[in-house]
Protein backbone atom coordinates (compact mmCIF):
# COMPACT_ATOMS: atom_id res chain seq x y z
CA MET A 1 -56.28 -34.26 42.71
CA LYS A 2 -53.23 -33.21 44.74
CA LYS A 3 -52.63 -32.80 48.47
CA ILE A 4 -50.22 -30.19 49.80
CA VAL A 5 -49.04 -29.94 53.41
CA LEU A 6 -47.69 -26.83 55.13
CA PRO A 7 -46.12 -26.46 58.61
CA VAL A 8 -48.04 -23.65 60.36
CA ARG A 9 -47.70 -21.34 63.34
CA ASP A 10 -50.09 -18.42 63.88
CA GLY A 11 -51.62 -18.73 60.39
CA ARG A 12 -48.24 -18.44 58.65
CA ILE A 13 -45.65 -20.87 57.35
CA ASP A 14 -43.43 -21.83 60.28
CA ASP A 15 -39.75 -21.05 59.73
CA HIS A 16 -38.76 -24.55 60.87
CA PHE A 17 -40.72 -27.65 59.83
CA GLY A 18 -40.01 -29.66 63.00
CA HIS A 19 -41.18 -26.93 65.38
CA CYS A 20 -44.55 -26.01 63.88
CA ASP A 21 -47.78 -25.77 65.87
CA HIS A 22 -49.76 -27.85 63.34
CA TYR A 23 -49.92 -28.78 59.67
CA SER A 24 -52.48 -27.53 57.16
CA ILE A 25 -53.35 -30.05 54.45
CA VAL A 26 -54.78 -28.46 51.31
CA THR A 27 -56.59 -30.58 48.74
CA VAL A 28 -56.37 -29.21 45.20
CA GLY A 29 -58.54 -30.32 42.28
CA ASP A 30 -57.33 -31.20 38.80
CA ALA A 31 -58.13 -27.70 37.54
CA GLY A 32 -56.07 -26.09 40.35
CA GLU A 33 -59.06 -25.20 42.51
CA ILE A 34 -58.83 -25.56 46.29
CA LEU A 35 -61.28 -28.25 47.38
CA GLY A 36 -60.62 -28.19 51.12
CA VAL A 37 -58.26 -27.48 53.99
CA GLU A 38 -57.80 -29.58 57.12
CA ASP A 39 -55.50 -29.13 60.10
CA MET A 40 -53.40 -31.92 61.60
CA PRO A 41 -51.64 -31.61 64.99
CA SER A 42 -47.86 -31.63 64.87
CA PRO A 43 -46.12 -34.47 66.74
CA GLN A 44 -43.79 -33.34 69.48
CA GLY A 45 -40.05 -33.46 68.87
CA CYS A 46 -37.79 -33.37 65.86
CA GLY A 47 -39.62 -33.48 62.53
CA CYS A 48 -37.25 -35.98 60.93
CA LYS A 49 -37.61 -38.46 63.81
CA SER A 50 -41.35 -38.13 64.43
CA GLY A 51 -42.62 -40.47 61.70
CA VAL A 52 -44.81 -37.69 60.30
CA ALA A 53 -43.48 -38.24 56.74
CA ALA A 54 -45.06 -41.72 56.68
CA VAL A 55 -48.35 -40.24 57.94
CA PHE A 56 -48.27 -37.69 55.12
CA LYS A 57 -47.68 -40.48 52.60
CA GLU A 58 -50.65 -42.44 53.99
CA LYS A 59 -52.82 -39.34 53.58
CA GLY A 60 -51.82 -39.05 49.90
CA ILE A 61 -49.75 -35.88 50.33
CA THR A 62 -47.22 -35.32 47.56
CA VAL A 63 -45.98 -31.75 48.20
CA MET A 64 -44.76 -29.83 51.27
CA LEU A 65 -44.41 -26.06 51.18
CA ALA A 66 -42.06 -25.20 54.06
CA GLY A 67 -39.90 -22.48 55.51
CA ASN A 68 -36.86 -24.57 56.32
CA MET A 69 -35.78 -27.95 57.67
CA GLY A 70 -32.73 -30.09 58.22
CA LEU A 71 -31.46 -32.54 55.62
CA GLY A 72 -32.71 -35.48 57.71
CA ALA A 73 -36.29 -34.24 57.45
CA LEU A 74 -35.88 -33.40 53.77
CA ASN A 75 -34.59 -36.91 53.05
CA LYS A 76 -37.40 -38.57 55.06
CA LEU A 77 -40.03 -36.58 53.19
CA ASN A 78 -38.43 -37.28 49.79
CA ASP A 79 -38.14 -41.00 50.66
CA ASN A 80 -41.91 -40.98 51.25
CA GLY A 81 -42.63 -39.47 47.83
CA ILE A 82 -43.10 -35.91 49.05
CA THR A 83 -41.59 -33.07 47.02
CA VAL A 84 -40.43 -30.26 49.32
CA VAL A 85 -40.34 -26.59 48.40
CA ARG A 86 -38.22 -24.75 51.01
CA GLY A 87 -37.94 -21.00 51.51
CA CYS A 88 -41.70 -20.37 51.74
CA ASN A 89 -43.01 -17.68 54.09
CA GLY A 90 -46.16 -15.72 54.73
CA PRO A 91 -49.83 -16.51 55.28
CA VAL A 92 -50.70 -20.13 54.48
CA MET A 93 -53.21 -19.53 51.69
CA ASP A 94 -50.99 -16.88 50.06
CA VAL A 95 -48.21 -19.48 49.86
CA VAL A 96 -50.59 -22.10 48.44
CA ASN A 97 -51.90 -19.68 45.80
CA ASN A 98 -48.35 -18.65 44.84
CA TYR A 99 -47.40 -22.32 44.47
CA LEU A 100 -50.45 -23.07 42.33
CA ALA A 101 -49.63 -20.04 40.15
CA GLY A 102 -46.07 -21.36 39.60
CA ARG A 103 -44.41 -18.53 41.52
CA LEU A 104 -42.51 -20.69 44.06
CA SER A 105 -39.33 -22.71 43.72
CA ASP A 106 -37.18 -24.54 46.26
CA SER A 107 -34.60 -22.29 47.95
CA GLY A 108 -32.12 -25.18 48.14
CA GLU A 109 -31.21 -24.17 51.70
CA SER A 110 -31.41 -26.53 54.66
CA CYS A 111 -30.72 -26.29 58.35
CA ARG A 112 -27.41 -27.90 59.29
CA HIS A 113 -27.55 -31.44 60.70
CA HIS A 114 -28.51 -31.63 64.37
CA HIS A 115 -29.22 -34.19 67.05
CA GLU A 116 -32.16 -34.17 69.46
CA GLY A 117 -31.33 -32.13 72.56
CA GLU A 118 -28.33 -30.39 70.99
CA GLU A 119 -28.11 -26.88 69.65
CA HIS A 120 -28.39 -26.53 65.89
CA SER A 121 -28.30 -23.61 63.53
CA CYS A 122 -30.89 -22.74 60.93
CA HIS A 123 -30.96 -20.11 58.25
CA GLU A 124 -34.22 -18.28 58.97
CA GLY A 125 -35.45 -14.97 57.71
CA GLY A 126 -32.11 -14.01 56.20
CA GLY A 127 -29.92 -14.75 59.23
CA TRP A 128 -28.53 -17.67 61.19
CA HIS A 129 -30.28 -18.55 64.45
CA VAL A 130 -29.42 -21.13 67.10
CA HIS A 131 -32.12 -23.47 68.41
CA ASN A 132 -31.99 -25.96 71.24
CA GLY A 133 -33.24 -29.47 70.38
């Protein structure tokens, strides 16, 4: 059995892990079948400073399928035994099914380092965007 987590906004993968509305946790059986989906509220604030990576570890999550995130968040997730696949987009279950079919690989792109309350830039949807906080 495997558990996969995805940052979600409006039924789609959120472009930025730390700003998502909630997380969908998908449980996958040994034969690759989807056994269940549960939603978990997203903590407020920066994803890498929220402690959510430790919560994911406690829940047995080993994979995150995400749009993008900063290196701090990536490192926190990896330190908690969570493999991150960045560059995902689209409806949540489409992304899960593409991952299970072996059609996804990590984009290797991360948001540049940022500090809470400061502007930071993220590569989203093919262009660079500036976010506050």
